[in-house]
Amino acid sequence: MLARVSSYDWLVSLAAQPLGVILAPIALHAWGARLPLALTAVLVATVCVAAALAPGVRNLRLEQPADTPVDGPRSLREAAPDKATGTA
């Protein structure tokens, strides 16, 4: 599900990019730099706060698999299987 959301995020971001390139100079000439940048900052902050307030995001917890040690492997050598024996 995360991959699907990520792919939609990239699709919308990449599709909206040309629109921003077209509208940015128009907004700059109409209002100057301060107002469009301030509105954009407010929009980004609003989206971030809205995402943080969503129950699915606030309640997200990563579960540790039962057979994985809390510390994880001490080195990559311990994590990689031994080629000769096929064990870690």
N, C-alpha and C. Protein backbone atom coordinates (compact mmCIF):
# COMPACT_ATOMS: atom_id res chain seq x y z
N MET A 1 0.82 -1.18 0.00
CA MET A 1 0.00 0.00 0.00
C MET A 1 0.88 1.26 0.00
N LEU A 2 2.00 1.21 0.74
CA LEU A 2 2.89 2.36 0.77
C LEU A 2 3.47 2.64 -0.62
N ALA A 3 3.77 1.60 -1.37
CA ALA A 3 4.30 1.78 -2.72
C ALA A 3 3.26 2.44 -3.63
N ARG A 4 2.01 2.08 -3.45
CA ARG A 4 0.94 2.69 -4.26
C ARG A 4 0.79 4.17 -3.94
N VAL A 5 0.81 4.51 -2.65
CA VAL A 5 0.70 5.92 -2.25
C VAL A 5 1.91 6.70 -2.76
N SER A 6 3.07 6.11 -2.65
CA SER A 6 4.29 6.76 -3.13
C SER A 6 4.25 6.99 -4.63
N SER A 7 3.73 6.03 -5.36
CA SER A 7 3.66 6.20 -6.82
C SER A 7 2.67 7.29 -7.21
N TYR A 8 1.54 7.37 -6.49
CA TYR A 8 0.60 8.47 -6.75
C TYR A 8 1.22 9.82 -6.39
N ASP A 9 1.97 9.86 -5.31
CA ASP A 9 2.64 11.09 -4.89
C ASP A 9 3.60 11.56 -5.98
N TRP A 10 4.40 10.65 -6.51
CA TRP A 10 5.34 11.01 -7.58
C TRP A 10 4.60 11.43 -8.85
N LEU A 11 3.52 10.75 -9.17
CA LEU A 11 2.75 11.09 -10.37
C LEU A 11 2.22 12.51 -10.28
N VAL A 12 1.60 12.85 -9.15
CA VAL A 12 1.04 14.19 -9.00
C VAL A 12 2.15 15.24 -8.96
N SER A 13 3.24 14.93 -8.26
CA SER A 13 4.35 15.88 -8.17
C SER A 13 4.96 16.16 -9.54
N LEU A 14 5.20 15.11 -10.29
CA LEU A 14 5.81 15.30 -11.61
C LEU A 14 4.84 15.92 -12.61
N ALA A 15 3.57 15.62 -12.48
CA ALA A 15 2.58 16.20 -13.40
C ALA A 15 2.36 17.68 -13.10
N ALA A 16 2.46 18.08 -11.82
CA ALA A 16 2.23 19.47 -11.45
C ALA A 16 3.45 20.35 -11.67
N GLN A 17 4.60 19.76 -11.85
CA GLN A 17 5.82 20.56 -12.01
C GLN A 17 5.76 21.50 -13.21
N PRO A 18 5.36 21.08 -14.39
CA PRO A 18 5.27 22.03 -15.51
C PRO A 18 4.28 23.16 -15.25
N LEU A 19 3.21 22.86 -14.54
CA LEU A 19 2.24 23.89 -14.20
C LEU A 19 2.88 24.96 -13.31
N GLY A 20 3.68 24.54 -12.36
CA GLY A 20 4.37 25.48 -11.50
C GLY A 20 5.39 26.31 -12.26
N VAL A 21 6.08 25.69 -13.21
CA VAL A 21 7.06 26.42 -14.02
C VAL A 21 6.36 27.49 -14.86
N ILE A 22 5.16 27.19 -15.32
CA ILE A 22 4.41 28.16 -16.13
C ILE A 22 3.82 29.27 -15.25
N LEU A 23 3.26 28.91 -14.09
CA LEU A 23 2.57 29.89 -13.26
C LEU A 23 3.50 30.74 -12.39
N ALA A 24 4.68 30.25 -12.06
CA ALA A 24 5.59 31.00 -11.17
C ALA A 24 5.98 32.37 -11.73
N PRO A 25 6.40 32.48 -12.99
CA PRO A 25 6.74 33.82 -13.50
C PRO A 25 5.52 34.75 -13.58
N ILE A 26 4.35 34.19 -13.87
CA ILE A 26 3.14 35.01 -13.92
C ILE A 26 2.83 35.57 -12.53
N ALA A 27 2.91 34.73 -11.52
CA ALA A 27 2.66 35.18 -10.15
C ALA A 27 3.73 36.17 -9.69
N LEU A 28 4.97 35.95 -10.09
CA LEU A 28 6.06 36.85 -9.71
C LEU A 28 5.81 38.24 -10.28
N HIS A 29 5.42 38.32 -11.54
CA HIS A 29 5.18 39.62 -12.17
C HIS A 29 3.90 40.27 -11.66
N ALA A 30 2.91 39.49 -11.28
CA ALA A 30 1.65 40.05 -10.81
C ALA A 30 1.72 40.56 -9.37
N TRP A 31 2.39 39.80 -8.49
CA TRP A 31 2.38 40.14 -7.07
C TRP A 31 3.76 40.36 -6.46
N GLY A 32 4.82 40.15 -7.20
CA GLY A 32 6.16 40.21 -6.61
C GLY A 32 6.49 38.85 -6.00
N ALA A 33 7.62 38.76 -5.36
CA ALA A 33 8.08 37.47 -4.85
C ALA A 33 7.51 37.13 -3.47
N ARG A 34 7.26 38.13 -2.65
CA ARG A 34 6.88 37.88 -1.25
C ARG A 34 5.55 37.13 -1.11
N LEU A 35 4.50 37.58 -1.75
CA LEU A 35 3.18 36.96 -1.59
C LEU A 35 3.14 35.51 -2.10
N PRO A 36 3.62 35.20 -3.31
CA PRO A 36 3.58 33.79 -3.74
C PRO A 36 4.41 32.87 -2.84
N LEU A 37 5.57 33.35 -2.36
CA LEU A 37 6.38 32.51 -1.48
C LEU A 37 5.69 32.31 -0.12
N ALA A 38 5.05 33.36 0.40
CA ALA A 38 4.34 33.23 1.67
C ALA A 38 3.16 32.27 1.53
N LEU A 39 2.40 32.40 0.45
CA LEU A 39 1.26 31.50 0.24
C LEU A 39 1.72 30.05 0.07
N THR A 40 2.82 29.86 -0.62
CA THR A 40 3.37 28.52 -0.79
C THR A 40 3.82 27.93 0.54
N ALA A 41 4.46 28.75 1.37
CA ALA A 41 4.89 28.29 2.69
C ALA A 41 3.69 27.89 3.55
N VAL A 42 2.64 28.69 3.50
CA VAL A 42 1.42 28.36 4.26
C VAL A 42 0.80 27.06 3.73
N LEU A 43 0.77 26.91 2.42
CA LEU A 43 0.22 25.69 1.82
C LEU A 43 1.02 24.45 2.24
N VAL A 44 2.33 24.52 2.19
CA VAL A 44 3.17 23.38 2.57
C VAL A 44 2.99 23.07 4.06
N ALA A 45 2.98 24.09 4.90
CA ALA A 45 2.78 23.86 6.34
C ALA A 45 1.42 23.24 6.62
N THR A 46 0.39 23.70 5.91
CA THR A 46 -0.95 23.14 6.10
C THR A 46 -1.01 21.68 5.71
N VAL A 47 -0.39 21.33 4.62
CA VAL A 47 -0.39 19.93 4.18
C VAL A 47 0.38 19.06 5.18
N CYS A 48 1.50 19.56 5.68
CA CYS A 48 2.29 18.78 6.66
C CYS A 48 1.51 18.58 7.95
N VAL A 49 0.85 19.62 8.45
CA VAL A 49 0.05 19.51 9.67
C VAL A 49 -1.13 18.57 9.45
N ALA A 50 -1.78 18.69 8.31
CA ALA A 50 -2.91 17.80 8.02
C ALA A 50 -2.47 16.34 7.97
N ALA A 51 -1.32 16.09 7.38
CA ALA A 51 -0.81 14.71 7.34
C ALA A 51 -0.48 14.21 8.74
N ALA A 52 0.11 15.07 9.57
CA ALA A 52 0.45 14.66 10.93
C ALA A 52 -0.79 14.43 11.78
N LEU A 53 -1.89 15.11 11.49
CA LEU A 53 -3.11 14.95 12.27
C LEU A 53 -3.95 13.75 11.83
N ALA A 54 -3.63 13.17 10.70
CA ALA A 54 -4.39 12.00 10.23
C ALA A 54 -4.16 10.83 11.18
N PRO A 55 -5.23 10.18 11.63
CA PRO A 55 -5.08 9.08 12.59
C PRO A 55 -4.18 7.96 12.10
N GLY A 56 -4.23 7.67 10.80
CA GLY A 56 -3.38 6.60 10.27
C GLY A 56 -1.90 6.92 10.38
N VAL A 57 -1.55 8.18 10.31
CA VAL A 57 -0.15 8.58 10.45
C VAL A 57 0.24 8.65 11.92
N ARG A 58 -0.63 9.25 12.74
CA ARG A 58 -0.31 9.38 14.17
C ARG A 58 -0.19 8.03 14.85
N ASN A 59 -0.99 7.07 14.46
CA ASN A 59 -1.01 5.77 15.12
C ASN A 59 -0.10 4.75 14.47
N LEU A 60 0.70 5.16 13.51
CA LEU A 60 1.58 4.23 12.81
C LEU A 60 2.66 3.72 13.75
N ARG A 61 2.77 2.43 13.87
CA ARG A 61 3.79 1.80 14.71
C ARG A 61 4.47 0.72 13.89
N LEU A 62 5.77 0.67 13.97
CA LEU A 62 6.52 -0.38 13.30
C LEU A 62 6.69 -1.54 14.26
N GLU A 63 6.32 -2.72 13.81
CA GLU A 63 6.43 -3.89 14.66
C GLU A 63 7.74 -4.61 14.39
N GLN A 64 8.41 -5.02 15.44
CA GLN A 64 9.67 -5.76 15.35
C GLN A 64 9.32 -7.24 15.22
N PRO A 65 9.82 -7.93 14.17
CA PRO A 65 9.57 -9.36 14.07
C PRO A 65 10.11 -10.10 15.30
N ALA A 66 9.42 -11.15 15.72
CA ALA A 66 9.78 -11.86 16.95
C ALA A 66 11.17 -12.48 16.88
N ASP A 67 11.60 -12.94 15.71
CA ASP A 67 12.88 -13.63 15.62
C ASP A 67 14.06 -12.69 15.35
N THR A 68 13.83 -11.38 15.29
CA THR A 68 14.91 -10.43 15.04
C THR A 68 15.36 -9.82 16.36
N PRO A 69 16.66 -9.86 16.65
CA PRO A 69 17.12 -9.25 17.89
C PRO A 69 16.89 -7.73 17.85
N VAL A 70 16.68 -7.16 19.00
CA VAL A 70 16.40 -5.73 19.10
C VAL A 70 17.57 -4.92 18.55
N ASP A 71 18.80 -5.35 18.84
CA ASP A 71 19.99 -4.62 18.39
C ASP A 71 20.27 -4.82 16.92
N GLY A 72 19.78 -5.90 16.35
CA GLY A 72 20.14 -6.23 14.97
C GLY A 72 21.50 -6.90 14.96
N PRO A 73 21.99 -7.29 13.80
CA PRO A 73 23.30 -7.92 13.73
C PRO A 73 24.39 -6.92 14.10
N ARG A 74 25.45 -7.42 14.72
CA ARG A 74 26.54 -6.54 15.14
C ARG A 74 27.41 -6.10 13.97
N SER A 75 27.41 -6.85 12.90
CA SER A 75 28.20 -6.46 11.74
C SER A 75 27.58 -7.08 10.50
N LEU A 76 27.99 -6.60 9.36
CA LEU A 76 27.50 -7.18 8.10
C LEU A 76 27.97 -8.61 7.93
N ARG A 77 29.14 -8.90 8.46
CA ARG A 77 29.67 -10.26 8.36
C ARG A 77 28.75 -11.26 9.07
N GLU A 78 28.19 -10.87 10.22
CA GLU A 78 27.28 -11.75 10.94
C GLU A 78 25.94 -11.89 10.23
N ALA A 79 25.52 -10.85 9.53
CA ALA A 79 24.23 -10.88 8.86
C ALA A 79 24.26 -11.68 7.56
N ALA A 80 25.41 -11.71 6.89
CA ALA A 80 25.52 -12.41 5.61
C ALA A 80 25.66 -13.90 5.84
N PRO A 81 24.99 -14.74 5.05
CA PRO A 81 25.15 -16.18 5.20
C PRO A 81 26.55 -16.63 4.78
N ASP A 82 27.03 -17.63 5.46
CA ASP A 82 28.34 -18.20 5.14
C ASP A 82 28.20 -19.01 3.86
N LYS A 83 29.02 -18.74 2.86
CA LYS A 83 28.90 -19.43 1.58
C LYS A 83 29.21 -20.92 1.69
N ALA A 84 30.13 -21.27 2.56
CA ALA A 84 30.53 -22.66 2.68
C ALA A 84 29.45 -23.51 3.35
N THR A 85 28.86 -22.98 4.43
CA THR A 85 27.89 -23.78 5.18
C THR A 85 26.45 -23.40 4.91
N GLY A 86 26.22 -22.19 4.37
CA GLY A 86 24.87 -21.75 4.10
C GLY A 86 24.18 -21.20 5.34
N THR A 87 24.93 -20.99 6.42
CA THR A 87 24.36 -20.44 7.64
C THR A 87 24.91 -19.03 7.88
N ALA A 88 24.24 -18.32 8.76
CA ALA A 88 24.66 -16.95 9.07
C ALA A 88 25.77 -16.93 10.08
